[in-house]
Amino acid sequence: MSSPFPLALRGLLLGIAMLSSTLAYAAEPDFAAARAETVKMLAGFIGVDTSNPPGNETKGAEFLKAILDREGIASEILELEKGRGNLVARLKGNGKKRPLLLMGHIDVVGVEREKWTVPPFGGVIKDGYIYGRGAADDKGMTSACLEIFLLLHRLKVPLDRDVIFLAESGEEGTTHVGIDFLVAKHWEKIACEFALNEGGRIVEKNGKVHYVGVSTTEKAPRPILISAKGTSGHGSRPRPDNPVTHLAMAVAKVGNWQAPMRLNDTTRAYFARLATISPPEEAFLYRHLEDPALSVMVQEKLRATQQAHNAMLRTTLVPTIMKAGFRINVIPGDALAQIDCRALPDEDMDQLAAALRKLINDPAIEVLPAVSGRPLAPPSRLDTEMFKALERAQQKIFPQALTIPMMLTGATDSAQLRAKGVQAYGIGNVMSDEDTARFHGNDERLNIDGLGRFLEYLWAAVTDIAATK
C-alpha cells in the first residue's frame, strides 16, 4: 500500500498552482518605478503645447502613441479636423463583461506667460511638485491612466473586460472635435459599461487625506443672454427707455436671486457623508439642509460662507459680461448681458427662462437661454460594481479616509458618456485646496507624492473591476 503523503503533496501543489493562477493579476507593480515613469512621461507631455485654441492635439496624441508603439500596443489617432486628434487603444479581455474606459484629455487652456514663475510648458520639477500647464488639468490624469494601461499590458493581467485608453481633444470648449465626434462617429471604439475620467479629487488637509471625492454627476454650462432694446439718442437728453438702465436693473435682480435648492441622490449622499467627518458647526448645516424649519437659514449661511457648497445645491446664475454703447454722449439702442448659468442635471431651461422673465418683469428685456451644450443626463449610480470598487480602493490605499460622491460644478466629457448610458465616475490626484485653486491658473502644479498614491488607488480600482478573479 502506497504512502498517502505523495498524494497529499500533489494536492497541495495543485492547490497552490490554482491559487497562484487566480491571484496572478493581483501582483503589485513597483509603484516607485511607476511613479517615476509617470512623472517623466507627464513632463514630456506638458512640453507639447496643446493650448486650446488652437489645440494642436494631434501633436500630443502622437507623443502618447509613440509610448504605446514602444510597448507593442496598437493604437490609432482619429481626427475630425486636421491637427485635432484623439488617441484610442485597447487591451483585450475575455469578453465576460463590458469594457472599462480610462480617459483624459489632451488639450489645455492658454497661459499668461508673464504671470508664471516657471516655464508653463517646461514640466519643471521643484519642491515635490511638477509644474506646467496641464499638470493637473488634465495631462496628469491622462498620464496616470496611460501608466495603469501600460502596467496591465506588461504584467499580462488576465481581464474579464476590455480596458480602453482614450486621450481626447477639444475638452476645453471645442468638444465637437473630441468626445462629440467620437460618440457620433466612432462609438464602437469607446463603447463601455464604466468610465474613469477627471472630475474628482483626493482631498488633503494638513498633510492628511481627508476624503476621496468621486464625481458621479456634474452641472451643465448653459449661458443665458439678457438683452434690452430702446431708442438711441443724445446723451444730454435722458430717456425712460434707455436700454443700459433697463439692463442694469435686470442684471441686478438676476445676480441677487437664487434658484430653488434641489438635491439629487449624489448631493444628498455627499452632504450626509461629509457631515460625519466635519466639525460640529458645519455638520449641523449639512444635516439640516432639508429641515423645514431650518432650511432657509442653513442655505443663507452656506451662501455667505461656503460658495462651493451653495453652488452644489442649485442651478446658479452669475452675471459676467455686459456690453452697451460706443460713445459717452450717445444713448445706445440696445444692451446685452451674459449670464454664466450652471444648470443642475435635471434643469428645464425653458422653465428657468420663464422664471427669470417673471423675476425681471420688464417688457423691454428679453431672456434668451442657450439651446445647446453638453447634454443633461442622470447621475451615475452609487450601487454599481465600479463605485464599490472605488470605495474598496479607497479603503485599501487611504483607510483613514472616506469615499464621498460629489457633483462637479464644472463640466467634463463624462456628460456625453452619461447621456449614452455609461456609468462614468470622476476621480483625481491627491490635492490640497491650494493645488486645486491653480486649475486654469498660474503656476499650475501636481504633487508628485500624491501622484504616486493616486496610481496605487487607480491600480486597485481597475484591477478590482477588470481583472479576472
Foldseek 3Di string as FASTA:
>chain_A
DDDCVVVVVVVVVVVVVVVCVQCLLVPDDPLVVLLVVLLVLLLVLLLPAQAPVVGLLVVSLVSLVVVCVVVVWDKDWDWPDPSFTKIKTKDAAPQQFWEEEQEAESYFHDAPQVPFPDGQSRQDDDPQWGWHTCCFRHSLSLSLSVSLVSVCSVSVFHWNYMYMYIYWGDFPPGCVGTLVCCVVPPCVRPPGQEYEYADWEQEDDPRAGAAFEKAQAAWWWKKKKKKFFDDKDWQVDDDPRQQVVLVVLLQVLQQPDFDDFDDDPQLLQQLCVVLVRDPVVSSVLSVCCPPPVCNVVSLVVCVVPPVVNNVQGFWHWHWDDKDADDDNGMRGRMIMTMIGITHALPDDVVVVLVVSCVSSVDPRMHMGIHPDGQHRADTQDCPDQLNVQLQVLCCVLPVVYGYGYGYGHDDGSVSVVRVVVHRYMHGGWHDYPVQVVCRVHYRRIDRSVRSSSVSSSVSSSCCSVIGRD
